[in-house]
Amino acid sequence: MPIGAVLANALRNFAIIEDDIITFGRTMDASKALAFVRRRREMAHEFAVLRDALEHEPWLIQRPEQMTEALRLLSAFRASSSIHQAEWPAIRVRDDPAAFRIAAQAVTTASNEFWRWVERELDYRR
């Protein structure tokens, strides 16, 4: 089942930013704090772009149950990410990167659940 170009592009862009944030989290030091904040802002924007693309994907519009599940998983991922960001401002990440990585596991779990669904239901692999 091919998805539309808009959704495929949104998924691709989202995956790029997500991978970038993961890399930042693994290699965080004081010199990267400002760039990390910028990436977090980009990620928040990409969450919104991806939600919009999902909501307008013809295949999902024709399948309300899948649409509901896609939006539920994306919302859970976004909520987990938002909570994590609130609990871990860049200055705190800089001061304790090991604890940050441990705390990020909840976000990783939500991300994995979303991407597994995308792969299974939309036949899209990042």
PDB file of N, CA and C in Angstrom:
ATOM      1  N   MET A   1       0.841  -1.170   0.000  1.00  0.00           N
ATOM      2  CA  MET A   1       0.000   0.000   0.000  1.00  0.00           C
ATOM      3  C   MET A   1       0.890   1.239   0.000  1.00  0.00           C
ATOM      4  N   PRO A   2       0.925   1.979  -1.081  1.00  0.00           N
ATOM      5  CA  PRO A   2       1.738   3.202  -1.106  1.00  0.00           C
ATOM      6  C   PRO A   2       1.010   4.348  -0.401  1.00  0.00           C
ATOM      7  N   ILE A   3       1.755   5.072   0.391  1.00  0.00           N
ATOM      8  CA  ILE A   3       1.185   6.261   1.020  1.00  0.00           C
ATOM      9  C   ILE A   3       1.486   7.456   0.128  1.00  0.00           C
ATOM     10  N   GLY A   4       0.776   8.534   0.372  1.00  0.00           N
ATOM     11  CA  GLY A   4       0.971   9.728  -0.434  1.00  0.00           C
ATOM     12  C   GLY A   4       2.312  10.385  -0.169  1.00  0.00           C
ATOM     13  N   ALA A   5       2.703  11.227  -1.117  1.00  0.00           N
ATOM     14  CA  ALA A   5       3.994  11.909  -1.033  1.00  0.00           C
ATOM     15  C   ALA A   5       4.080  12.834   0.178  1.00  0.00           C
ATOM     16  N   VAL A   6       2.988  13.479   0.522  1.00  0.00           N
ATOM     17  CA  VAL A   6       3.010  14.411   1.657  1.00  0.00           C
ATOM     18  C   VAL A   6       3.317  13.658   2.948  1.00  0.00           C
ATOM     19  N   LEU A   7       2.650  12.543   3.168  1.00  0.00           N
ATOM     20  CA  LEU A   7       2.893  11.764   4.383  1.00  0.00           C
ATOM     21  C   LEU A   7       4.295  11.151   4.355  1.00  0.00           C
ATOM     22  N   ALA A   8       4.700  10.628   3.221  1.00  0.00           N
ATOM     23  CA  ALA A   8       6.041  10.037   3.127  1.00  0.00           C
ATOM     24  C   ALA A   8       7.108  11.089   3.436  1.00  0.00           C
ATOM     25  N   ASN A   9       6.944  12.287   2.933  1.00  0.00           N
ATOM     26  CA  ASN A   9       7.889  13.361   3.193  1.00  0.00           C
ATOM     27  C   ASN A   9       7.877  13.764   4.667  1.00  0.00           C
ATOM     28  N   ALA A  10       6.688  13.850   5.250  1.00  0.00           N
ATOM     29  CA  ALA A  10       6.586  14.200   6.669  1.00  0.00           C
ATOM     30  C   ALA A  10       7.251  13.136   7.543  1.00  0.00           C
ATOM     31  N   LEU A  11       7.047  11.878   7.224  1.00  0.00           N
ATOM     32  CA  LEU A  11       7.685  10.793   7.978  1.00  0.00           C
ATOM     33  C   LEU A  11       9.204  10.856   7.835  1.00  0.00           C
ATOM     34  N   ARG A  12       9.673  11.093   6.633  1.00  0.00           N
ATOM     35  CA  ARG A  12      11.112  11.175   6.375  1.00  0.00           C
ATOM     36  C   ARG A  12      11.740  12.340   7.161  1.00  0.00           C
ATOM     37  N   ASN A  13      11.135  13.516   7.076  1.00  0.00           N
ATOM     38  CA  ASN A  13      11.663  14.680   7.788  1.00  0.00           C
ATOM     39  C   ASN A  13      11.628  14.487   9.298  1.00  0.00           C
ATOM     40  N   PHE A  14      10.555  13.890   9.774  1.00  0.00           N
ATOM     41  CA  PHE A  14      10.428  13.621  11.199  1.00  0.00           C
ATOM     42  C   PHE A  14      11.537  12.676  11.660  1.00  0.00           C
ATOM     43  N   ALA A  15      11.759  11.618  10.901  1.00  0.00           N
ATOM     44  CA  ALA A  15      12.788  10.634  11.255  1.00  0.00           C
ATOM     45  C   ALA A  15      14.173  11.272  11.291  1.00  0.00           C
ATOM     46  N   ILE A  16      14.440  12.183  10.375  1.00  0.00           N
ATOM     47  CA  ILE A  16      15.745  12.857  10.344  1.00  0.00           C
ATOM     48  C   ILE A  16      15.954  13.662  11.625  1.00  0.00           C
ATOM     49  N   ILE A  17      14.960  14.447  11.999  1.00  0.00           N
ATOM     50  CA  ILE A  17      15.073  15.264  13.219  1.00  0.00           C
ATOM     51  C   ILE A  17      15.158  14.364  14.448  1.00  0.00           C
ATOM     52  N   GLU A  18      14.357  13.320  14.487  1.00  0.00           N
ATOM     53  CA  GLU A  18      14.393  12.402  15.635  1.00  0.00           C
ATOM     54  C   GLU A  18      15.780  11.767  15.760  1.00  0.00           C
ATOM     55  N   ASP A  19      16.336  11.300  14.666  1.00  0.00           N
ATOM     56  CA  ASP A  19      17.672  10.700  14.710  1.00  0.00           C
ATOM     57  C   ASP A  19      18.719  11.711  15.161  1.00  0.00           C
ATOM     58  N   ASP A  20      18.564  12.948  14.712  1.00  0.00           N
ATOM     59  CA  ASP A  20      19.486  14.014  15.111  1.00  0.00           C
ATOM     60  C   ASP A  20      19.415  14.264  16.621  1.00  0.00           C
ATOM     61  N   ILE A  21      18.208  14.289  17.156  1.00  0.00           N
ATOM     62  CA  ILE A  21      18.043  14.501  18.606  1.00  0.00           C
ATOM     63  C   ILE A  21      18.661  13.339  19.380  1.00  0.00           C
ATOM     64  N   ILE A  22      18.470  12.135  18.895  1.00  0.00           N
ATOM     65  CA  ILE A  22      19.050  10.965  19.572  1.00  0.00           C
ATOM     66  C   ILE A  22      20.571  11.079  19.590  1.00  0.00           C
ATOM     67  N   THR A  23      21.145  11.479  18.465  1.00  0.00           N
ATOM     68  CA  THR A  23      22.599  11.656  18.399  1.00  0.00           C
ATOM     69  C   THR A  23      23.055  12.736  19.371  1.00  0.00           C
ATOM     70  N   PHE A  24      22.341  13.850  19.414  1.00  0.00           N
ATOM     71  CA  PHE A  24      22.685  14.899  20.373  1.00  0.00           C
ATOM     72  C   PHE A  24      22.648  14.370  21.796  1.00  0.00           C
ATOM     73  N   GLY A  25      21.613  13.626  22.123  1.00  0.00           N
ATOM     74  CA  GLY A  25      21.476  13.082  23.474  1.00  0.00           C
ATOM     75  C   GLY A  25      22.618  12.158  23.865  1.00  0.00           C
ATOM     76  N   ARG A  26      23.130  11.432  22.903  1.00  0.00           N
ATOM     77  CA  ARG A  26      24.234  10.499  23.179  1.00  0.00           C
ATOM     78  C   ARG A  26      25.576  11.213  23.345  1.00  0.00           C
ATOM     79  N   THR A  27      25.692  12.377  22.731  1.00  0.00           N
ATOM     80  CA  THR A  27      26.990  13.059  22.706  1.00  0.00           C
ATOM     81  C   THR A  27      26.924  14.431  23.365  1.00  0.00           C
ATOM     82  N   MET A  28      25.957  14.635  24.237  1.00  0.00           N
ATOM     83  CA  MET A  28      25.720  15.951  24.811  1.00  0.00           C
ATOM     84  C   MET A  28      26.884  16.428  25.664  1.00  0.00           C
ATOM     85  N   ASP A  29      27.241  17.674  25.448  1.00  0.00           N
ATOM     86  CA  ASP A  29      28.172  18.369  26.333  1.00  0.00           C
ATOM     87  C   ASP A  29      27.768  19.844  26.331  1.00  0.00           C
ATOM     88  N   ALA A  30      28.419  20.642  27.146  1.00  0.00           N
ATOM     89  CA  ALA A  30      28.028  22.045  27.339  1.00  0.00           C
ATOM     90  C   ALA A  30      28.005  22.824  26.030  1.00  0.00           C
ATOM     91  N   SER A  31      28.895  22.531  25.123  1.00  0.00           N
ATOM     92  CA  SER A  31      28.981  23.300  23.877  1.00  0.00           C
ATOM     93  C   SER A  31      27.793  23.049  22.945  1.00  0.00           C
ATOM     94  N   LYS A  32      27.028  22.002  23.187  1.00  0.00           N
ATOM     95  CA  LYS A  32      25.931  21.645  22.288  1.00  0.00           C
ATOM     96  C   LYS A  32      24.550  22.020  22.821  1.00  0.00           C
ATOM     97  N   ALA A  33      24.490  22.654  23.986  1.00  0.00           N
ATOM     98  CA  ALA A  33      23.196  22.921  24.614  1.00  0.00           C
ATOM     99  C   ALA A  33      22.279  23.775  23.736  1.00  0.00           C
ATOM    100  N   LEU A  34      22.785  24.848  23.166  1.00  0.00           N
ATOM    101  CA  LEU A  34      21.951  25.722  22.342  1.00  0.00           C
ATOM    102  C   LEU A  34      21.460  25.003  21.084  1.00  0.00           C
ATOM    103  N   ALA A  35      22.327  24.260  20.445  1.00  0.00           N
ATOM    104  CA  ALA A  35      21.925  23.496  19.258  1.00  0.00           C
ATOM    105  C   ALA A  35      20.881  22.440  19.622  1.00  0.00           C
ATOM    106  N   PHE A  36      21.004  21.860  20.806  1.00  0.00           N
ATOM    107  CA  PHE A  36      20.041  20.867  21.272  1.00  0.00           C
ATOM    108  C   PHE A  36      18.664  21.507  21.449  1.00  0.00           C
ATOM    109  N   VAL A  37      18.614  22.699  22.008  1.00  0.00           N
ATOM    110  CA  VAL A  37      17.356  23.423  22.177  1.00  0.00           C
ATOM    111  C   VAL A  37      16.722  23.677  20.811  1.00  0.00           C
ATOM    112  N   ARG A  38      17.527  24.079  19.831  1.00  0.00           N
ATOM    113  CA  ARG A  38      17.010  24.302  18.476  1.00  0.00           C
ATOM    114  C   ARG A  38      16.424  23.023  17.889  1.00  0.00           C
ATOM    115  N   ARG A  39      17.111  21.915  18.082  1.00  0.00           N
ATOM    116  CA  ARG A  39      16.614  20.633  17.556  1.00  0.00           C
ATOM    117  C   ARG A  39      15.286  20.264  18.221  1.00  0.00           C
ATOM    118  N   ARG A  40      15.177  20.533  19.506  1.00  0.00           N
ATOM    119  CA  ARG A  40      13.918  20.246  20.202  1.00  0.00           C
ATOM    120  C   ARG A  40      12.780  21.077  19.602  1.00  0.00           C
ATOM    121  N   ARG A  41      13.044  22.324  19.289  1.00  0.00           N
ATOM    122  CA  ARG A  41      12.016  23.166  18.664  1.00  0.00           C
ATOM    123  C   ARG A  41      11.641  22.610  17.294  1.00  0.00           C
ATOM    124  N   GLU A  42      12.629  22.195  16.531  1.00  0.00           N
ATOM    125  CA  GLU A  42      12.368  21.597  15.220  1.00  0.00           C
ATOM    126  C   GLU A  42      11.518  20.338  15.368  1.00  0.00           C
ATOM    127  N   MET A  43      11.808  19.553  16.382  1.00  0.00           N
ATOM    128  CA  MET A  43      11.049  18.324  16.619  1.00  0.00           C
ATOM    129  C   MET A  43       9.587  18.657  16.933  1.00  0.00           C
ATOM    130  N   ALA A  44       9.360  19.676  17.755  1.00  0.00           N
ATOM    131  CA  ALA A  44       7.982  20.076  18.067  1.00  0.00           C
ATOM    132  C   ALA A  44       7.248  20.476  16.793  1.00  0.00           C
ATOM    133  N   HIS A  45       7.924  21.193  15.923  1.00  0.00           N
ATOM    134  CA  HIS A  45       7.322  21.584  14.652  1.00  0.00           C
ATOM    135  C   HIS A  45       7.023  20.350  13.792  1.00  0.00           C
ATOM    136  N   GLU A  46       7.959  19.434  13.724  1.00  0.00           N
ATOM    137  CA  GLU A  46       7.774  18.232  12.897  1.00  0.00           C
ATOM    138  C   GLU A  46       6.651  17.337  13.435  1.00  0.00           C
ATOM    139  N   PHE A  47       6.446  17.322  14.758  1.00  0.00           N
ATOM    140  CA  PHE A  47       5.289  16.596  15.306  1.00  0.00           C
ATOM    141  C   PHE A  47       4.003  17.163  14.696  1.00  0.00           C
ATOM    142  N   ALA A  48       3.892  18.490  14.637  1.00  0.00           N
ATOM    143  CA  ALA A  48       2.690  19.124  14.096  1.00  0.00           C
ATOM    144  C   ALA A  48       2.536  18.845  12.604  1.00  0.00           C
ATOM    145  N   VAL A  49       3.623  18.925  11.864  1.00  0.00           N
ATOM    146  CA  VAL A  49       3.584  18.642  10.424  1.00  0.00           C
ATOM    147  C   VAL A  49       3.157  17.196  10.187  1.00  0.00           C
ATOM    148  N   LEU A  50       3.703  16.282  10.958  1.00  0.00           N
ATOM    149  CA  LEU A  50       3.373  14.869  10.790  1.00  0.00           C
ATOM    150  C   LEU A  50       1.909  14.604  11.143  1.00  0.00           C
ATOM    151  N   ARG A  51       1.431  15.208  12.206  1.00  0.00           N
ATOM    152  CA  ARG A  51       0.020  15.027  12.573  1.00  0.00           C
ATOM    153  C   ARG A  51      -0.877  15.501  11.421  1.00  0.00           C
ATOM    154  N   ASP A  52      -0.572  16.654  10.869  1.00  0.00           N
ATOM    155  CA  ASP A  52      -1.362  17.187   9.766  1.00  0.00           C
ATOM    156  C   ASP A  52      -1.325  16.238   8.559  1.00  0.00           C
ATOM    157  N   ALA A  53      -0.142  15.720   8.262  1.00  0.00           N
ATOM    158  CA  ALA A  53      -0.013  14.791   7.126  1.00  0.00           C
ATOM    159  C   ALA A  53      -0.819  13.513   7.362  1.00  0.00           C
ATOM    160  N   LEU A  54      -0.799  13.004   8.583  1.00  0.00           N
ATOM    161  CA  LEU A  54      -1.595  11.816   8.903  1.00  0.00           C
ATOM    162  C   LEU A  54      -3.086  12.114   8.734  1.00  0.00           C
ATOM    163  N   GLU A  55      -3.514  13.256   9.249  1.00  0.00           N
ATOM    164  CA  GLU A  55      -4.935  13.616   9.187  1.00  0.00           C
ATOM    165  C   GLU A  55      -5.440  13.807   7.755  1.00  0.00           C
ATOM    166  N   HIS A  56      -4.542  14.103   6.830  1.00  0.00           N
ATOM    167  CA  HIS A  56      -4.939  14.332   5.449  1.00  0.00           C
ATOM    168  C   HIS A  56      -4.557  13.197   4.493  1.00  0.00           C
ATOM    169  N   GLU A  57      -4.035  12.109   5.039  1.00  0.00           N
ATOM    170  CA  GLU A  57      -3.653  10.965   4.202  1.00  0.00           C
ATOM    171  C   GLU A  57      -4.910  10.236   3.727  1.00  0.00           C
ATOM    172  N   PRO A  58      -5.146  10.179   2.404  1.00  0.00           N
ATOM    173  CA  PRO A  58      -6.362   9.533   1.888  1.00  0.00           C
ATOM    174  C   PRO A  58      -6.566   8.099   2.390  1.00  0.00           C
ATOM    175  N   TRP A  59      -5.516   7.312   2.441  1.00  0.00           N
ATOM    176  CA  TRP A  59      -5.658   5.924   2.894  1.00  0.00           C
ATOM    177  C   TRP A  59      -6.193   5.872   4.319  1.00  0.00           C
ATOM    178  N   LEU A  60      -5.721   6.765   5.173  1.00  0.00           N
ATOM    179  CA  LEU A  60      -6.184   6.787   6.559  1.00  0.00           C
ATOM    180  C   LEU A  60      -7.591   7.382   6.676  1.00  0.00           C
ATOM    181  N   ILE A  61      -7.893   8.350   5.873  1.00  0.00           N
ATOM    182  CA  ILE A  61      -9.235   8.945   5.892  1.00  0.00           C
ATOM    183  C   ILE A  61     -10.277   7.876   5.599  1.00  0.00           C
ATOM    184  N   GLN A  62      -9.951   6.952   4.711  1.00  0.00           N
ATOM    185  CA  GLN A  62     -10.872   5.872   4.364  1.00  0.00           C
ATOM    186  C   GLN A  62     -10.911   4.774   5.431  1.00  0.00           C
ATOM    187  N   ARG A  63     -10.019   4.831   6.402  1.00  0.00           N
ATOM    188  CA  ARG A  63      -9.920   3.805   7.452  1.00  0.00           C
ATOM    189  C   ARG A  63      -9.865   4.489   8.820  1.00  0.00           C
ATOM    190  N   PRO A  64     -11.007   4.901   9.340  1.00  0.00           N
ATOM    191  CA  PRO A  64     -11.037   5.671  10.587  1.00  0.00           C
ATOM    192  C   PRO A  64     -10.371   4.978  11.780  1.00  0.00           C
ATOM    193  N   GLU A  65     -10.458   3.667  11.853  1.00  0.00           N
ATOM    194  CA  GLU A  65      -9.815   2.971  12.984  1.00  0.00           C
ATOM    195  C   GLU A  65      -8.293   3.122  12.915  1.00  0.00           C
ATOM    196  N   GLN A  66      -7.733   2.984  11.743  1.00  0.00           N
ATOM    197  CA  GLN A  66      -6.283   3.163  11.591  1.00  0.00           C
ATOM    198  C   GLN A  66      -5.892   4.622  11.844  1.00  0.00           C
ATOM    199  N   MET A  67      -6.728   5.553  11.388  1.00  0.00           N
ATOM    200  CA  MET A  67      -6.461   6.969  11.644  1.00  0.00           C
ATOM    201  C   MET A  67      -6.414   7.226  13.146  1.00  0.00           C
ATOM    202  N   THR A  68      -7.389   6.707  13.850  1.00  0.00           N
ATOM    203  CA  THR A  68      -7.440   6.893  15.306  1.00  0.00           C
ATOM    204  C   THR A  68      -6.200   6.320  15.966  1.00  0.00           C
ATOM    205  N   GLU A  69      -5.796   5.145  15.545  1.00  0.00           N
ATOM    206  CA  GLU A  69      -4.614   4.510  16.137  1.00  0.00           C
ATOM    207  C   GLU A  69      -3.341   5.286  15.804  1.00  0.00           C
ATOM    208  N   ALA A  70      -3.218   5.749  14.578  1.00  0.00           N
ATOM    209  CA  ALA A  70      -2.039   6.534  14.193  1.00  0.00           C
ATOM    210  C   ALA A  70      -1.938   7.793  15.037  1.00  0.00           C
ATOM    211  N   LEU A  71      -3.038   8.498  15.180  1.00  0.00           N
ATOM    212  CA  LEU A  71      -3.031   9.739  15.952  1.00  0.00           C
ATOM    213  C   LEU A  71      -2.833   9.470  17.440  1.00  0.00           C
ATOM    214  N   ARG A  72      -3.369   8.366  17.935  1.00  0.00           N
ATOM    215  CA  ARG A  72      -3.163   8.005  19.347  1.00  0.00           C
ATOM    216  C   ARG A  72      -1.693   7.734  19.626  1.00  0.00           C
ATOM    217  N   LEU A  73      -1.068   6.966  18.762  1.00  0.00           N
ATOM    218  CA  LEU A  73       0.350   6.638  18.962  1.00  0.00           C
ATOM    219  C   LEU A  73       1.240   7.872  18.811  1.00  0.00           C
ATOM    220  N   LEU A  74       0.939   8.715  17.835  1.00  0.00           N
ATOM    221  CA  LEU A  74       1.718   9.941  17.676  1.00  0.00           C
ATOM    222  C   LEU A  74       1.528  10.858  18.884  1.00  0.00           C
ATOM    223  N   SER A  75       0.298  10.958  19.376  1.00  0.00           N
ATOM    224  CA  SER A  75       0.033  11.789  20.556  1.00  0.00           C
ATOM    225  C   SER A  75       0.755  11.262  21.788  1.00  0.00           C
ATOM    226  N   ALA A  76       0.781   9.950  21.956  1.00  0.00           N
ATOM    227  CA  ALA A  76       1.504   9.363  23.096  1.00  0.00           C
ATOM    228  C   ALA A  76       2.992   9.650  22.984  1.00  0.00           C
ATOM    229  N   PHE A  77       3.518   9.554  21.786  1.00  0.00           N
ATOM    230  CA  PHE A  77       4.930   9.847  21.534  1.00  0.00           C
ATOM    231  C   PHE A  77       5.212  11.318  21.848  1.00  0.00           C
ATOM    232  N   ARG A  78       4.364  12.194  21.341  1.00  0.00           N
ATOM    233  CA  ARG A  78       4.563  13.635  21.569  1.00  0.00           C
ATOM    234  C   ARG A  78       4.454  13.976  23.056  1.00  0.00           C
ATOM    235  N   ALA A  79       3.479  13.402  23.743  1.00  0.00           N
ATOM    236  CA  ALA A  79       3.313  13.672  25.176  1.00  0.00           C
ATOM    237  C   ALA A  79       4.539  13.206  25.953  1.00  0.00           C
ATOM    238  N   SER A  80       5.018  12.028  25.628  1.00  0.00           N
ATOM    239  CA  SER A  80       6.206  11.501  26.298  1.00  0.00           C
ATOM    240  C   SER A  80       7.402  12.414  26.054  1.00  0.00           C
ATOM    241  N   SER A  81       7.550  12.864  24.830  1.00  0.00           N
ATOM    242  CA  SER A  81       8.643  13.757  24.485  1.00  0.00           C
ATOM    243  C   SER A  81       8.513  15.094  25.223  1.00  0.00           C
ATOM    244  N   SER A  82       7.306  15.632  25.268  1.00  0.00           N
ATOM    245  CA  SER A  82       7.075  16.915  25.942  1.00  0.00           C
ATOM    246  C   SER A  82       7.361  16.834  27.437  1.00  0.00           C
ATOM    247  N   ILE A  83       6.911  15.777  28.064  1.00  0.00           N
ATOM    248  CA  ILE A  83       7.173  15.588  29.494  1.00  0.00           C
ATOM    249  C   ILE A  83       8.670  15.472  29.736  1.00  0.00           C
ATOM    250  N   HIS A  84       9.328  14.704  28.891  1.00  0.00           N
ATOM    251  CA  HIS A  84      10.772  14.530  29.029  1.00  0.00           C
ATOM    252  C   HIS A  84      11.497  15.861  28.872  1.00  0.00           C
ATOM    253  N   GLN A  85      11.089  16.654  27.897  1.00  0.00           N
ATOM    254  CA  GLN A  85      11.724  17.959  27.698  1.00  0.00           C
ATOM    255  C   GLN A  85      11.492  18.878  28.884  1.00  0.00           C
ATOM    256  N   ALA A  86      10.299  18.830  29.455  1.00  0.00           N
ATOM    257  CA  ALA A  86      10.007  19.679  30.616  1.00  0.00           C
ATOM    258  C   ALA A  86      10.854  19.270  31.825  1.00  0.00           C
ATOM    259  N   GLU A  87      11.040  17.979  31.981  1.00  0.00           N
ATOM    260  CA  GLU A  87      11.832  17.484  33.113  1.00  0.00           C
ATOM    261  C   GLU A  87      13.329  17.612  32.881  1.00  0.00           C
ATOM    262  N   TRP A  88      13.726  17.721  31.611  1.00  0.00           N
ATOM    263  CA  TRP A  88      15.146  17.764  31.269  1.00  0.00           C
ATOM    264  C   TRP A  88      15.467  18.973  30.389  1.00  0.00           C
ATOM    265  N   PRO A  89      15.451  20.182  30.967  1.00  0.00           N
ATOM    266  CA  PRO A  89      15.894  21.333  30.171  1.00  0.00           C
ATOM    267  C   PRO A  89      17.353  21.144  29.763  1.00  0.00           C
ATOM    268  N   ALA A  90      17.753  21.841  28.715  1.00  0.00           N
ATOM    269  CA  ALA A  90      19.099  21.648  28.146  1.00  0.00           C
ATOM    270  C   ALA A  90      20.200  21.781  29.184  1.00  0.00           C
ATOM    271  N   ILE A  91      20.064  22.704  30.115  1.00  0.00           N
ATOM    272  CA  ILE A  91      21.112  22.887  31.123  1.00  0.00           C
ATOM    273  C   ILE A  91      21.255  21.642  31.997  1.00  0.00           C
ATOM    274  N   ARG A  92      20.138  21.024  32.301  1.00  0.00           N
ATOM    275  CA  ARG A  92      20.178  19.801  33.118  1.00  0.00           C
ATOM    276  C   ARG A  92      20.777  18.645  32.325  1.00  0.00           C
ATOM    277  N   VAL A  93      20.438  18.574  31.050  1.00  0.00           N
ATOM    278  CA  VAL A  93      21.013  17.533  30.188  1.00  0.00           C
ATOM    279  C   VAL A  93      22.526  17.687  30.157  1.00  0.00           C
ATOM    280  N   ARG A  94      22.954  18.912  29.985  1.00  0.00           N
ATOM    281  CA  ARG A  94      24.394  19.208  29.926  1.00  0.00           C
ATOM    282  C   ARG A  94      25.099  18.769  31.210  1.00  0.00           C
ATOM    283  N   ASP A  95      24.437  18.956  32.351  1.00  0.00           N
ATOM    284  CA  ASP A  95      25.061  18.659  33.642  1.00  0.00           C
ATOM    285  C   ASP A  95      25.025  17.178  34.019  1.00  0.00           C
ATOM    286  N   ASP A  96      24.100  16.424  33.437  1.00  0.00           N
ATOM    287  CA  ASP A  96      23.994  15.005  33.799  1.00  0.00           C
ATOM    288  C   ASP A  96      23.511  14.179  32.598  1.00  0.00           C
ATOM    289  N   PRO A  97      24.344  14.074  31.562  1.00  0.00           N
ATOM    290  CA  PRO A  97      23.909  13.380  30.343  1.00  0.00           C
ATOM    291  C   PRO A  97      23.582  11.902  30.560  1.00  0.00           C
ATOM    292  N   ALA A  98      24.236  11.254  31.496  1.00  0.00           N
ATOM    293  CA  ALA A  98      23.946   9.827  31.733  1.00  0.00           C
ATOM    294  C   ALA A  98      22.524   9.647  32.269  1.00  0.00           C
ATOM    295  N   ALA A  99      22.132  10.472  33.217  1.00  0.00           N
ATOM    296  CA  ALA A  99      20.779  10.385  33.767  1.00  0.00           C
ATOM    297  C   ALA A  99      19.745  10.770  32.703  1.00  0.00           C
ATOM    298  N   PHE A 100      20.092  11.728  31.863  1.00  0.00           N
ATOM    299  CA  PHE A 100      19.215  12.124  30.760  1.00  0.00           C
ATOM    300  C   PHE A 100      18.926  10.930  29.853  1.00  0.00           C
ATOM    301  N   ARG A 101      19.952  10.191  29.491  1.00  0.00           N
ATOM    302  CA  ARG A 101      19.777   9.044  28.600  1.00  0.00           C
ATOM    303  C   ARG A 101      18.896   7.974  29.234  1.00  0.00           C
ATOM    304  N   ILE A 102      19.047   7.775  30.523  1.00  0.00           N
ATOM    305  CA  ILE A 102      18.195   6.807  31.226  1.00  0.00           C
ATOM    306  C   ILE A 102      16.746   7.284  31.204  1.00  0.00           C
ATOM    307  N   ALA A 103      16.541   8.565  31.500  1.00  0.00           N
ATOM    308  CA  ALA A 103      15.188   9.123  31.526  1.00  0.00           C
ATOM    309  C   ALA A 103      14.539   9.116  30.142  1.00  0.00           C
ATOM    310  N   ALA A 104      15.333   9.131  29.105  1.00  0.00           N
ATOM    311  CA  ALA A 104      14.812   9.167  27.732  1.00  0.00           C
ATOM    312  C   ALA A 104      14.199   7.838  27.302  1.00  0.00           C
ATOM    313  N   GLN A 105      14.330   6.797  28.080  1.00  0.00           N
ATOM    314  CA  GLN A 105      13.817   5.489  27.680  1.00  0.00           C
ATOM    315  C   GLN A 105      12.308   5.492  27.450  1.00  0.00           C
ATOM    316  N   ALA A 106      11.560   6.280  28.216  1.00  0.00           N
ATOM    317  CA  ALA A 106      10.109   6.342  28.009  1.00  0.00           C
ATOM    318  C   ALA A 106       9.793   6.924  26.629  1.00  0.00           C
ATOM    319  N   VAL A 107      10.559   7.908  26.208  1.00  0.00           N
ATOM    320  CA  VAL A 107      10.368   8.496  24.878  1.00  0.00           C
ATOM    321  C   VAL A 107      10.732   7.466  23.810  1.00  0.00           C
ATOM    322  N   THR A 108      11.806   6.748  24.037  1.00  0.00           N
ATOM    323  CA  THR A 108      12.228   5.712  23.093  1.00  0.00           C
ATOM    324  C   THR A 108      11.142   4.656  22.923  1.00  0.00           C
ATOM    325  N   THR A 109      10.524   4.266  24.017  1.00  0.00           N
ATOM    326  CA  THR A 109       9.451   3.273  23.958  1.00  0.00           C
ATOM    327  C   THR A 109       8.281   3.787  23.129  1.00  0.00           C
ATOM    328  N   ALA A 110       7.855   5.024  23.387  1.00  0.00           N
ATOM    329  CA  ALA A 110       6.740   5.605  22.631  1.00  0.00           C
ATOM    330  C   ALA A 110       7.103   5.744  21.153  1.00  0.00           C
ATOM    331  N   SER A 111       8.324   6.139  20.873  1.00  0.00           N
ATOM    332  CA  SER A 111       8.795   6.255  19.493  1.00  0.00           C
ATOM    333  C   SER A 111       8.743   4.905  18.800  1.00  0.00           C
ATOM    334  N   ASN A 112       9.276   3.896  19.456  1.00  0.00           N
ATOM    335  CA  ASN A 112       9.293   2.558  18.857  1.00  0.00           C
ATOM    336  C   ASN A 112       7.893   2.050  18.561  1.00  0.00           C
ATOM    337  N   GLU A 113       6.951   2.303  19.463  1.00  0.00           N
ATOM    338  CA  GLU A 113       5.566   1.865  19.238  1.00  0.00           C
ATOM    339  C   GLU A 113       4.973   2.563  18.018  1.00  0.00           C
ATOM    340  N   PHE A 114       5.224   3.864  17.906  1.00  0.00           N
ATOM    341  CA  PHE A 114       4.724   4.604  16.738  1.00  0.00           C
ATOM    342  C   PHE A 114       5.331   4.067  15.443  1.00  0.00           C
ATOM    343  N   TRP A 115       6.653   3.937  15.409  1.00  0.00           N
ATOM    344  CA  TRP A 115       7.316   3.505  14.174  1.00  0.00           C
ATOM    345  C   TRP A 115       6.985   2.060  13.809  1.00  0.00           C
ATOM    346  N   ARG A 116       6.764   1.200  14.797  1.00  0.00           N
ATOM    347  CA  ARG A 116       6.332  -0.175  14.479  1.00  0.00           C
ATOM    348  C   ARG A 116       4.976  -0.146  13.783  1.00  0.00           C
ATOM    349  N   TRP A 117       4.063   0.685  14.283  1.00  0.00           N
ATOM    350  CA  TRP A 117       2.755   0.805  13.662  1.00  0.00           C
ATOM    351  C   TRP A 117       2.893   1.335  12.232  1.00  0.00           C
ATOM    352  N   VAL A 118       3.696   2.362  12.053  1.00  0.00           N
ATOM    353  CA  VAL A 118       3.902   2.947  10.726  1.00  0.00           C
ATOM    354  C   VAL A 118       4.419   1.887   9.756  1.00  0.00           C
ATOM    355  N   GLU A 119       5.379   1.109  10.205  1.00  0.00           N
ATOM    356  CA  GLU A 119       5.931   0.070   9.336  1.00  0.00           C
ATOM    357  C   GLU A 119       4.880  -0.986   8.999  1.00  0.00           C
ATOM    358  N   ARG A 120       4.155  -1.413  10.009  1.00  0.00           N
ATOM    359  CA  ARG A 120       3.168  -2.483   9.806  1.00  0.00           C
ATOM    360  C   ARG A 120       1.956  -2.006   8.985  1.00  0.00           C
ATOM    361  N   GLU A 121       1.412  -0.849   9.325  1.00  0.00           N
ATOM    362  CA  GLU A 121       0.167  -0.401   8.702  1.00  0.00           C
ATOM    363  C   GLU A 121       0.370   0.416   7.429  1.00  0.00           C
ATOM    364  N   LEU A 122       1.448   1.181   7.383  1.00  0.00           N
ATOM    365  CA  LEU A 122       1.668   2.066   6.236  1.00  0.00           C
ATOM    366  C   LEU A 122       2.776   1.561   5.312  1.00  0.00           C
ATOM    367  N   ASP A 123       3.400   0.473   5.721  1.00  0.00           N
ATOM    368  CA  ASP A 123       4.489  -0.117   4.931  1.00  0.00           C
ATOM    369  C   ASP A 123       5.579   0.916   4.628  1.00  0.00           C
ATOM    370  N   TYR A 124       5.900   1.713   5.658  1.00  0.00           N
ATOM    371  CA  TYR A 124       6.938   2.720   5.532  1.00  0.00           C
ATOM    372  C   TYR A 124       8.036   2.406   6.541  1.00  0.00           C
ATOM    373  N   ARG A 125       9.270   2.352   6.063  1.00  0.00           N
ATOM    374  CA  ARG A 125      10.412   2.102   6.937  1.00  0.00           C
ATOM    375  C   ARG A 125      11.302   3.324   6.928  1.00  0.00           C
ATOM    376  N   ARG A 126      11.681   3.739   8.124  1.00  0.00           N
ATOM    377  CA  ARG A 126      12.568   4.910   8.193  1.00  0.00           C
ATOM    378  C   ARG A 126      13.992   4.523   7.928  1.00  0.00           C
TER     379      ARG A 126
END
